[in-house]
Amino acid sequence: MSQAAALLDTDILSELLKQHPQVTHRTRVYLAEHNRLAFCLPIFNGFPSWS
């Protein structure tokens, strides 16, 4: 079964980095078909300056 390409958000990335078994399995299945992952990383203007 072919999966559509998807954009991963930071919640899924977090679970993947924690090696959640179901997320890890689905990621491997996805990578077998698409060969790469795409992430969405939010950027906020409200962060304090670190200079």
C-alpha atoms as a PDB file:
ATOM      1  CA  MET A   1       0.000   0.000   0.000  1.00  0.00           C
ATOM      2  CA  SER A   2       1.471   3.328  -1.072  1.00  0.00           C
ATOM      3  CA  GLN A   3       1.571   6.164   1.455  1.00  0.00           C
ATOM      4  CA  ALA A   4       1.296   9.818   0.552  1.00  0.00           C
ATOM      5  CA  ALA A   5       4.275  12.013   1.399  1.00  0.00           C
ATOM      6  CA  ALA A   6       3.898  13.652   4.800  1.00  0.00           C
ATOM      7  CA  LEU A   7       5.367  16.489   6.817  1.00  0.00           C
ATOM      8  CA  LEU A   8       6.333  15.566  10.392  1.00  0.00           C
ATOM      9  CA  ASP A   9       5.672  18.012  13.189  1.00  0.00           C
ATOM     10  CA  THR A  10       7.797  18.464  16.307  1.00  0.00           C
ATOM     11  CA  ASP A  11       5.553  16.183  18.418  1.00  0.00           C
ATOM     12  CA  ILE A  12       6.189  13.231  16.105  1.00  0.00           C
ATOM     13  CA  LEU A  13       9.886  14.103  15.887  1.00  0.00           C
ATOM     14  CA  SER A  14      10.043  14.087  19.698  1.00  0.00           C
ATOM     15  CA  GLU A  15       8.449  10.627  19.888  1.00  0.00           C
ATOM     16  CA  LEU A  16      10.793   9.356  17.188  1.00  0.00           C
ATOM     17  CA  LEU A  17      13.838  10.631  19.098  1.00  0.00           C
ATOM     18  CA  LYS A  18      12.502   8.894  22.242  1.00  0.00           C
ATOM     19  CA  GLN A  19      12.291   5.720  20.125  1.00  0.00           C
ATOM     20  CA  HIS A  20       8.577   5.168  20.716  1.00  0.00           C
ATOM     21  CA  PRO A  21       8.023   1.656  19.253  1.00  0.00           C
ATOM     22  CA  GLN A  22       4.965   2.434  17.101  1.00  0.00           C
ATOM     23  CA  VAL A  23       6.405   5.715  15.813  1.00  0.00           C
ATOM     24  CA  THR A  24       9.748   4.032  15.061  1.00  0.00           C
ATOM     25  CA  HIS A  25       8.006   1.228  13.155  1.00  0.00           C
ATOM     26  CA  ARG A  26       5.848   3.613  11.096  1.00  0.00           C
ATOM     27  CA  THR A  27       8.910   5.740  10.343  1.00  0.00           C
ATOM     28  CA  ARG A  28      10.793   2.706   9.014  1.00  0.00           C
ATOM     29  CA  VAL A  29       7.821   1.747   6.828  1.00  0.00           C
ATOM     30  CA  TYR A  30       7.606   5.328   5.540  1.00  0.00           C
ATOM     31  CA  LEU A  31      11.357   5.534   4.876  1.00  0.00           C
ATOM     32  CA  ALA A  32      11.296   2.268   2.922  1.00  0.00           C
ATOM     33  CA  GLU A  33       8.985   3.960   0.439  1.00  0.00           C
ATOM     34  CA  HIS A  34      10.050   7.627   0.493  1.00  0.00           C
ATOM     35  CA  ASN A  35      13.767   7.453   1.435  1.00  0.00           C
ATOM     36  CA  ARG A  36      13.671  10.674   3.487  1.00  0.00           C
ATOM     37  CA  LEU A  37      11.798  12.555   6.177  1.00  0.00           C
ATOM     38  CA  ALA A  38      10.585  16.155   6.057  1.00  0.00           C
ATOM     39  CA  PHE A  39      10.134  18.137   9.274  1.00  0.00           C
ATOM     40  CA  CYS A  40       8.232  21.264  10.187  1.00  0.00           C
ATOM     41  CA  LEU A  41      10.138  23.373  12.725  1.00  0.00           C
ATOM     42  CA  PRO A  42       8.263  26.462  13.915  1.00  0.00           C
ATOM     43  CA  ILE A  43      10.098  29.771  14.155  1.00  0.00           C
ATOM     44  CA  PHE A  44       8.821  32.404  16.546  1.00  0.00           C
ATOM     45  CA  ASN A  45       9.628  36.113  16.573  1.00  0.00           C
ATOM     46  CA  GLY A  46       9.008  36.355  20.325  1.00  0.00           C
ATOM     47  CA  PHE A  47      12.224  34.700  21.544  1.00  0.00           C
ATOM     48  CA  PRO A  48      14.519  36.881  23.644  1.00  0.00           C
ATOM     49  CA  SER A  49      17.747  38.037  22.078  1.00  0.00           C
ATOM     50  CA  TRP A  50      20.791  35.967  23.078  1.00  0.00           C
ATOM     51  CA  SER A  51      23.388  38.460  21.934  1.00  0.00           C
END
